Every structure is written in C-alpha cells, then in structure tokens.
Amino acid sequence: MKIIMTGGGTAGHITPNIALMPRLRELGFEIHYIGTRTGMERQLIETQGIPYHTISAGKLRRYFDFKNLTDIINISKGFFQAVNIITKVKPDIVFSKGGFVSCPVVWAAWFNKIPVIIHESDFTPGLANKLSMPFAEKICFTFPETRQYIKNNKGILTGIPVRESLYSGNPATGRELCGFTADKPVLMIIGGSQGSGVLNSIVRLSLEELLKEFQICHICGKGGVDANLKGITGYSQFEYVNEELPHLFSMADLIVARAGSTSLFEILALKKPNLLIPLSKLVSRGDQILNARSFEKQGFSRVLMEEDLNREAFLENIRQVHSNRKVYTISMSKSAFKKGIDEVTKVILDNCKK
C-alpha cells in the first residue's frame, strides 16, 4: 500500500506525521510526503529517509490583503503540482495534518478519487482544515469538544499521535546535556517550534529569582539564545531540540509552555506538571486559549493568560504548580488519554482505497 502524508508550517503539523511513520512502515506502507520547498517540514521529513515532493503554497488569510492575489496563484499552482505527484505515485490514501501546504494536496486527492483522512489537533479547526474537510472521508480529532465543529458524522475521536521515542528518555542524559545536577528540580520552558519572544523575555526577567529554586532548561526558538547568558550555572539554552527532547522531557519536574495541541498532549502523555501561557487572541485565532482552558478544566494544567503575564504573576504561578505537582500528576494519570498512533492507524487502514 502507498500513502501520501502532508502537513507543514510548524512542528505541530509535522511531528504527529513523524510519530505515525514507524507504525505505517511496520504495516507495509510505502510512504511519500508532500511539503513546501523551504518549509520546516522539509528539514524534519527528509531525515526520515522517505521520498519528499515539493509544491507551491500560499498563506490563507481571513482578512483582505493584496498578498492574497499572489497567494491564490501559488495555491492554484500547488494544486496542479499535487495532481501531478498523486498521478505518478498512485497512493491508496492521503493523510493530512493541516497547515497551508495541505489544502492543494487534499483537493488534488479528491480530484483523483483518492480517499483523504484529516487530523485536527486543536479545539477548533483551523482555516486550512476547514477548507479541506468537505473533501475528506474522515476527520480525526483530539479534544472531545471538537466533535461539534465537524459535520456529516465524519469525526472520529482518536487523540493525537505522540512519538514513541518520547517515552524512552533518560533523566541522567538530560542533566548531562544541560550540565545540571540531580539535587535541584528542573524547570523546562518550551516556546513552541517557532520560539516565543514573550516567554523568552519573562524567563530572563525572572531568571535570578528562578535560579534560587530551579535549574532551568530553556528552549528558545531559532535566534532566541542570549549569548550574554551562556555559562550561567543552572541555566541551559537551546534553539531547537529533536533527538534530545525525550531526555530533556524526562528530567523535567515542571514545564512552562505555550498551548499548541501537540505540546499539550506530549506533556499529558508524560504526566508532567505544567503551567500554560497560551498565545494571546490579539495575535492568533484563540485556539491555544481554548486548548489551555480544556486542560485546565480537566485538572491537567494551570493557566496564566498572556495579558496577565508579569514577573510577579509568573513566579507565583510556577510556585503554585510546583507545590501542587502531585495533584496535577494524579489528574493526568486518570485521563482517558488515547494512544493516538493506534487510533489514527486504524482509521487509515479502514479507509484505504484497496
């Protein structure tokens, strides 16, 4: 059997695809991937050793912008490129994880009468998935509340595929990577695959006080490392981590993160006490706020809104989570967390063309 996978733009649209690949290989699938020429997905997918095909893509905007005109041309070009790729590869199914690159691929698959499975990670569907859903056989989703946004009984609650490698981390290796000791708790800061200037700033503003209580592993994003802070005992900075991530997760006693769904469900799978600071609605569609509130309601997380973020609130909320860490761990242990790899793979197999 052959499968074409697609998704890109941020790690949240790529790493669940990577998580599925070992299982798909075990089942005998020949895997192909469609992404953009310069997107993050190319760098991450080509290391997996599978054929990578490129198409043009344009950003989909909810507001008027003259760039929409050129992007319509790019999207149209991407559609015909995707039709050509699908005609040559002849897949039995297409699996889309979203992002702007996915729309032309989904439409091209439908045009070629190839079944499409979409996965929606967030509480509410993003624009790319909204435009793709009418052309899909099934839509896998992650939050139970998402079902209300999916029409025609297409939705299947599967959870999100989490990389199996995350479960094999070694805390001693993590401490060695950071130069940390075993006698002080570790606070891990994750700003998402693109990094977060807001989180980077508040961490550094609070650094002196935080280091009295924690060792700090700070994943800053590309260009986010502060050279002036290198060499500080108990503070370790990374631009981006991949193979090291399981070990860093394993050593962490407490995590501060944005509220992208992939990060949330990785934290839930590993049962790590956490403080979420979702991306403000002023600069997003508000999906991270809904994700975070869902986790807060279930007792998995504490939430601090970006609008309320200052040094005092940041320190106080971290201390609250750490002092109540056992309560959060117990709540996460009781969750109905689904093994997303198993559930999504079943949907793929049930809907293959052959």
Protein backbone atom coordinates (compact mmCIF):
# COMPACT_ATOMS: atom_id res chain seq x y z
CA MET A 1 0.00 0.00 0.00
CA LYS A 2 1.06 3.58 -0.61
CA ILE A 3 0.27 6.64 1.49
CA ILE A 4 0.97 10.31 0.86
CA MET A 5 1.29 12.40 4.01
CA THR A 6 1.21 16.18 4.15
CA GLY A 7 1.31 18.99 6.67
CA GLY A 8 3.69 21.83 7.43
CA GLY A 9 4.47 25.29 8.64
CA THR A 10 5.02 24.45 12.31
CA ALA A 11 6.22 21.37 14.18
CA GLY A 12 2.64 20.73 15.35
CA HIS A 13 1.68 19.95 11.76
CA ILE A 14 4.68 17.67 11.22
CA THR A 15 5.67 15.70 14.33
CA PRO A 16 2.37 13.72 14.52
CA ASN A 17 3.08 12.55 10.97
CA ILE A 18 6.56 11.51 12.04
CA ALA A 19 5.05 9.68 15.02
CA LEU A 20 2.88 7.61 12.64
CA MET A 21 5.65 6.64 10.23
CA PRO A 22 7.21 3.70 12.14
CA ARG A 23 3.80 2.02 12.53
CA LEU A 24 2.92 2.61 8.87
CA ARG A 25 6.24 1.08 7.83
CA GLU A 26 5.53 -1.95 10.04
CA LEU A 27 2.22 -2.37 8.19
CA GLY A 28 3.99 -2.34 4.84
CA PHE A 29 3.09 1.15 3.64
CA GLU A 30 5.30 2.92 1.13
CA ILE A 31 5.31 6.49 2.47
CA HIS A 32 5.62 9.68 0.43
CA TYR A 33 5.43 13.25 1.74
CA ILE A 34 4.30 16.47 0.08
CA GLY A 35 5.51 19.75 1.54
CA THR A 36 6.98 23.09 0.52
CA ARG A 37 10.47 23.66 -0.79
CA THR A 38 11.65 25.82 2.11
CA GLY A 39 9.29 24.96 4.99
CA MET A 40 10.23 23.41 8.33
CA GLU A 41 8.63 20.16 7.16
CA ARG A 42 11.36 19.55 4.58
CA GLN A 43 14.14 19.62 7.16
CA LEU A 44 12.27 17.31 9.55
CA ILE A 45 10.89 14.85 6.98
CA GLU A 46 13.98 14.32 4.84
CA THR A 47 15.81 12.96 7.91
CA GLN A 48 13.21 10.15 7.95
CA GLY A 49 14.53 8.79 4.66
CA ILE A 50 11.29 8.91 2.68
CA PRO A 51 10.56 10.48 -0.73
CA TYR A 52 9.78 14.18 -0.33
CA HIS A 53 7.86 16.05 -3.04
CA THR A 54 7.57 19.85 -3.15
CA ILE A 55 4.69 22.07 -4.24
CA SER A 56 3.94 25.78 -4.13
CA ALA A 57 1.74 27.03 -1.31
CA GLY A 58 0.23 30.31 -0.26
CA LYS A 59 -0.90 31.63 3.08
CA LEU A 60 -4.66 31.61 3.65
CA ARG A 61 -5.83 34.80 5.33
CA ARG A 62 -9.14 35.65 6.98
CA TYR A 63 -8.69 39.33 6.12
CA PHE A 64 -8.12 41.39 2.98
CA ASP A 65 -4.52 41.71 1.87
CA PHE A 66 -3.07 42.32 -1.62
CA LYS A 67 -0.80 39.32 -0.99
CA ASN A 68 -3.92 37.17 -1.25
CA LEU A 69 -3.81 37.70 -5.02
CA THR A 70 -0.31 36.27 -5.44
CA ASP A 71 -1.05 33.52 -2.92
CA ILE A 72 -4.10 32.43 -4.92
CA ILE A 73 -1.75 31.94 -7.87
CA ASN A 74 0.65 29.91 -5.68
CA ILE A 75 -2.19 27.78 -4.29
CA SER A 76 -3.50 27.11 -7.79
CA LYS A 77 -0.02 26.15 -8.95
CA GLY A 78 0.33 23.89 -5.89
CA PHE A 79 -2.93 22.14 -6.77
CA PHE A 80 -1.76 21.19 -10.26
CA GLN A 81 1.64 20.12 -8.90
CA ALA A 82 -0.12 17.93 -6.32
CA VAL A 83 -2.35 16.40 -9.03
CA ASN A 84 0.79 15.52 -10.99
CA ILE A 85 2.50 13.96 -7.94
CA ILE A 86 -0.58 11.94 -6.98
CA THR A 87 -0.99 10.72 -10.57
CA LYS A 88 2.60 9.44 -10.54
CA VAL A 89 2.68 7.96 -7.01
CA LYS A 90 -0.83 6.45 -7.17
CA PRO A 91 -1.43 6.37 -3.39
CA ASP A 92 -4.14 4.31 -1.75
CA ILE A 93 -4.82 7.10 0.74
CA VAL A 94 -3.75 10.65 1.68
CA PHE A 95 -3.27 11.73 5.31
CA SER A 96 -3.27 15.45 6.04
CA LYS A 97 -2.13 17.07 9.27
CA GLY A 98 -3.03 20.60 8.22
CA GLY A 99 -1.13 23.79 7.54
CA PHE A 100 -1.34 25.84 4.36
CA VAL A 101 0.52 23.31 2.23
CA SER A 102 -2.14 20.65 2.88
CA CYS A 103 -5.10 22.24 1.08
CA PRO A 104 -3.88 21.76 -2.52
CA VAL A 105 -2.90 18.17 -1.66
CA VAL A 106 -6.33 17.34 -0.21
CA TRP A 107 -8.14 18.92 -3.16
CA ALA A 108 -5.89 17.09 -5.63
CA ALA A 109 -6.53 13.76 -3.88
CA TRP A 110 -10.29 14.31 -4.06
CA PHE A 111 -9.93 15.23 -7.74
CA ASN A 112 -8.11 11.92 -8.30
CA LYS A 113 -10.71 9.99 -6.26
CA ILE A 114 -8.17 9.10 -3.56
CA PRO A 115 -9.62 8.86 -0.01
CA VAL A 116 -8.39 11.55 2.40
CA ILE A 117 -8.06 11.44 6.17
CA ILE A 118 -7.57 14.73 8.01
CA HIS A 119 -6.30 15.14 11.56
CA GLU A 120 -7.31 18.21 13.58
CA SER A 121 -5.23 18.78 16.70
CA ASP A 122 -6.78 21.92 18.13
CA PHE A 123 -10.02 22.53 20.00
CA THR A 124 -11.50 24.24 16.91
CA PRO A 125 -10.48 23.52 13.30
CA GLY A 126 -8.01 25.86 11.67
CA LEU A 127 -8.74 27.57 8.36
CA ALA A 128 -6.73 25.10 6.26
CA ASN A 129 -8.62 22.14 7.71
CA LYS A 130 -11.97 23.93 7.38
CA LEU A 131 -11.32 24.33 3.66
CA SER A 132 -10.24 20.69 3.38
CA MET A 133 -12.93 18.95 5.44
CA PRO A 134 -15.61 18.75 2.72
CA PHE A 135 -13.19 16.68 0.63
CA ALA A 136 -12.25 14.16 3.36
CA GLU A 137 -13.64 10.74 4.18
CA LYS A 138 -12.97 11.09 7.90
CA ILE A 139 -11.65 13.76 10.26
CA CYS A 140 -9.69 12.55 13.28
CA PHE A 141 -9.79 14.94 16.23
CA THR A 142 -8.05 15.33 19.56
CA PHE A 143 -10.29 17.20 22.03
CA PRO A 144 -13.71 15.64 22.81
CA GLU A 145 -15.29 19.10 22.44
CA THR A 146 -14.18 19.33 18.80
CA ARG A 147 -16.91 16.94 17.57
CA GLN A 148 -19.46 19.79 17.46
CA TYR A 149 -17.45 21.52 14.72
CA ILE A 150 -17.37 18.51 12.36
CA LYS A 151 -20.34 17.89 10.06
CA ASN A 152 -21.83 14.84 8.36
CA ASN A 153 -20.76 12.37 11.05
CA LYS A 154 -17.20 12.39 9.69
CA GLY A 155 -15.48 12.93 13.03
CA ILE A 156 -13.60 10.23 14.95
CA LEU A 157 -12.02 10.94 18.35
CA THR A 158 -8.51 9.48 18.08
CA GLY A 159 -6.29 11.67 20.21
CA ILE A 160 -3.03 12.82 18.70
CA PRO A 161 -0.12 10.58 17.61
CA VAL A 162 2.70 11.04 20.12
CA ARG A 163 6.20 9.91 19.18
CA GLU A 164 7.09 6.63 20.90
CA SER A 165 10.64 7.90 21.38
CA LEU A 166 9.39 10.40 23.98
CA TYR A 167 8.74 7.54 26.39
CA SER A 168 12.36 6.37 26.27
CA GLY A 169 14.06 9.45 27.69
CA ASN A 170 16.75 9.18 30.36
CA PRO A 171 16.81 11.93 33.01
CA ALA A 172 20.53 11.44 33.64
CA THR A 173 21.23 12.02 29.94
CA GLY A 174 19.07 15.13 30.05
CA ARG A 175 21.01 16.53 33.00
CA GLU A 176 24.27 15.74 31.24
CA LEU A 177 23.12 17.63 28.14
CA CYS A 178 22.33 20.66 30.30
CA GLY A 179 25.18 20.39 32.80
CA PHE A 180 22.68 20.04 35.67
CA THR A 181 22.93 18.22 39.00
CA ALA A 182 20.44 15.74 40.46
CA ASP A 183 19.83 17.62 43.72
CA LYS A 184 17.71 20.53 42.44
CA PRO A 185 14.38 20.44 40.50
CA VAL A 186 14.37 21.26 36.79
CA LEU A 187 12.04 23.82 35.20
CA MET A 188 11.67 23.38 31.45
CA ILE A 189 10.48 26.27 29.24
CA ILE A 190 9.08 25.46 25.77
CA GLY A 191 8.11 28.30 23.44
CA GLY A 192 6.91 26.12 20.55
CA SER A 193 8.78 25.26 17.36
CA GLN A 194 8.94 28.92 16.36
CA GLY A 195 10.01 30.06 19.82
CA SER A 196 8.27 32.73 21.88
CA GLY A 197 9.73 36.16 22.45
CA VAL A 198 7.20 36.73 25.23
CA LEU A 199 8.27 33.62 27.16
CA ASN A 200 11.95 34.28 26.49
CA SER A 201 11.64 37.78 27.92
CA ILE A 202 9.72 36.82 31.07
CA VAL A 203 12.09 33.94 31.82
CA ARG A 204 15.13 36.18 31.60
CA LEU A 205 13.44 38.92 33.60
CA SER A 206 12.76 36.35 36.34
CA LEU A 207 15.98 34.37 35.95
CA GLU A 208 17.76 35.46 39.12
CA GLU A 209 14.77 34.57 41.31
CA LEU A 210 14.02 31.30 39.47
CA LEU A 211 17.58 30.03 39.83
CA LYS A 212 17.23 30.14 43.62
CA GLU A 213 14.68 27.30 43.37
CA PHE A 214 15.19 25.59 39.98
CA GLN A 215 17.62 24.61 37.29
CA ILE A 216 16.24 25.91 34.01
CA CYS A 217 16.21 24.23 30.61
CA HIS A 218 15.10 26.90 28.13
CA ILE A 219 14.13 26.02 24.54
CA CYS A 220 14.19 29.47 22.97
CA GLY A 221 13.44 29.01 19.26
CA LYS A 222 15.59 29.96 16.27
CA GLY A 223 17.65 33.04 17.04
CA GLY A 224 16.38 33.13 20.62
CA VAL A 225 19.55 32.16 22.50
CA ASP A 226 21.02 35.04 24.52
CA ALA A 227 24.81 34.87 24.22
CA ASN A 228 25.19 37.09 27.29
CA LEU A 229 23.58 34.41 29.47
CA LYS A 230 25.74 31.49 28.36
CA GLY A 231 27.76 29.89 31.10
CA ILE A 232 25.35 30.70 33.95
CA THR A 233 25.25 27.74 36.34
CA GLY A 234 21.87 26.03 36.30
CA TYR A 235 20.65 27.72 33.09
CA SER A 236 20.85 25.93 29.73
CA GLN A 237 19.57 27.33 26.43
CA PHE A 238 18.67 25.55 23.18
CA GLU A 239 17.37 26.99 19.91
CA TYR A 240 15.53 23.81 18.94
CA VAL A 241 15.76 20.18 20.04
CA ASN A 242 14.77 16.96 18.31
CA GLU A 243 16.64 13.80 19.31
CA GLU A 244 17.49 15.36 22.70
CA LEU A 245 13.84 16.12 23.55
CA PRO A 246 12.93 12.78 25.21
CA HIS A 247 15.85 13.15 27.65
CA LEU A 248 15.03 16.78 28.44
CA PHE A 249 11.37 15.91 29.00
CA SER A 250 12.36 13.02 31.22
CA MET A 251 14.49 15.16 33.55
CA ALA A 252 11.90 17.98 33.82
CA ASP A 253 9.99 18.30 37.10
CA LEU A 254 7.83 21.16 35.83
CA ILE A 255 7.10 22.56 32.35
CA VAL A 256 6.08 26.02 31.22
CA ALA A 257 4.73 26.03 27.68
CA ARG A 258 2.50 27.65 25.13
CA ALA A 259 -0.69 25.68 24.43
CA GLY A 260 -0.23 24.18 20.99
CA SER A 261 -2.03 20.85 20.99
CA THR A 262 0.98 18.69 20.10
CA SER A 263 2.98 20.02 23.05
CA LEU A 264 -0.03 19.64 25.37
CA PHE A 265 -0.61 16.00 24.56
CA GLU A 266 3.09 15.19 24.79
CA ILE A 267 3.05 16.74 28.27
CA LEU A 268 -0.10 14.78 29.13
CA ALA A 269 1.38 11.51 27.84
CA LEU A 270 4.42 12.02 30.08
CA LYS A 271 2.30 13.32 33.00
CA LYS A 272 4.41 16.41 33.65
CA PRO A 273 3.01 19.17 35.93
CA ASN A 274 2.72 22.28 33.81
CA LEU A 275 1.90 25.96 33.54
CA LEU A 276 0.36 27.02 30.22
CA ILE A 277 0.66 30.54 28.80
CA PRO A 278 -1.46 30.41 25.61
CA LEU A 279 -0.83 32.69 22.68
CA SER A 280 -2.89 35.86 23.00
CA LYS A 281 -6.04 36.25 20.93
CA LEU A 282 -4.65 39.59 19.79
CA VAL A 283 -2.16 37.74 17.57
CA SER A 284 -3.98 34.44 16.92
CA ARG A 285 -7.43 32.97 16.34
CA GLY A 286 -7.59 31.97 20.01
CA ASP A 287 -7.14 28.21 19.54
CA GLN A 288 -4.41 27.98 22.18
CA ILE A 289 -6.67 29.62 24.75
CA LEU A 290 -9.38 27.02 24.13
CA ASN A 291 -6.80 24.21 24.26
CA ALA A 292 -5.43 25.50 27.57
CA ARG A 293 -8.84 26.01 29.15
CA SER A 294 -9.82 22.44 28.27
CA PHE A 295 -6.70 21.11 30.03
CA GLU A 296 -7.31 23.41 32.99
CA LYS A 297 -10.92 22.20 33.30
CA GLN A 298 -9.73 18.59 33.37
CA GLY A 299 -7.19 19.36 36.11
CA PHE A 300 -4.15 18.73 33.92
CA SER A 301 -2.73 22.27 33.88
CA ARG A 302 -2.63 25.71 35.44
CA VAL A 303 -3.24 28.59 33.01
CA LEU A 304 -1.79 32.10 33.05
CA MET A 305 -3.12 34.38 30.33
CA GLU A 306 -0.56 36.38 28.38
CA GLU A 307 -2.47 39.58 29.17
CA ASP A 308 -1.89 38.90 32.89
CA LEU A 309 1.76 37.98 32.49
CA ASN A 310 4.30 39.87 34.57
CA ARG A 311 7.27 38.87 36.70
CA GLU A 312 5.32 38.51 39.95
CA ALA A 313 2.46 36.52 38.37
CA PHE A 314 4.93 34.29 36.51
CA LEU A 315 6.88 33.40 39.65
CA GLU A 316 3.75 32.90 41.74
CA ASN A 317 2.11 30.57 39.21
CA ILE A 318 5.27 28.48 38.84
CA ARG A 319 5.47 28.06 42.61
CA GLN A 320 1.78 27.12 42.77
CA VAL A 321 2.20 24.40 40.16
CA HIS A 322 5.33 23.04 41.80
CA SER A 323 3.80 22.93 45.26
CA ASN A 324 0.71 21.12 43.86
CA ARG A 325 2.60 18.95 41.37
CA LYS A 326 1.26 15.66 42.78
CA VAL A 327 -2.34 16.83 42.25
CA TYR A 328 -1.67 17.52 38.56
CA THR A 329 0.15 14.22 38.09
CA ILE A 330 -2.75 12.27 39.63
CA SER A 331 -5.30 14.07 37.41
CA MET A 332 -3.27 13.29 34.29
CA SER A 333 -2.92 9.66 35.36
CA LYS A 334 -6.72 9.38 35.45
CA SER A 335 -7.22 10.88 31.98
CA ALA A 336 -8.81 8.93 29.14
CA PHE A 337 -5.73 9.59 27.03
CA LYS A 338 -5.93 7.64 23.78
CA LYS A 339 -2.96 6.06 22.08
CA GLY A 340 -3.21 8.27 19.03
CA ILE A 341 -0.91 6.13 16.86
CA ASP A 342 -3.18 3.08 17.26
CA GLU A 343 -6.40 5.02 16.76
CA VAL A 344 -5.30 7.02 13.73
CA THR A 345 -3.69 3.99 12.07
CA LYS A 346 -6.99 2.12 12.36
CA VAL A 347 -8.82 4.96 10.59
CA ILE A 348 -6.21 4.96 7.82
CA LEU A 349 -6.49 1.20 7.30
CA ASP A 350 -10.30 1.29 7.33
CA ASN A 351 -10.40 3.91 4.57
CA CYS A 352 -7.67 2.80 2.19
CA LYS A 353 -8.68 2.60 -1.46
CA LYS A 354 -7.62 -1.04 -1.76
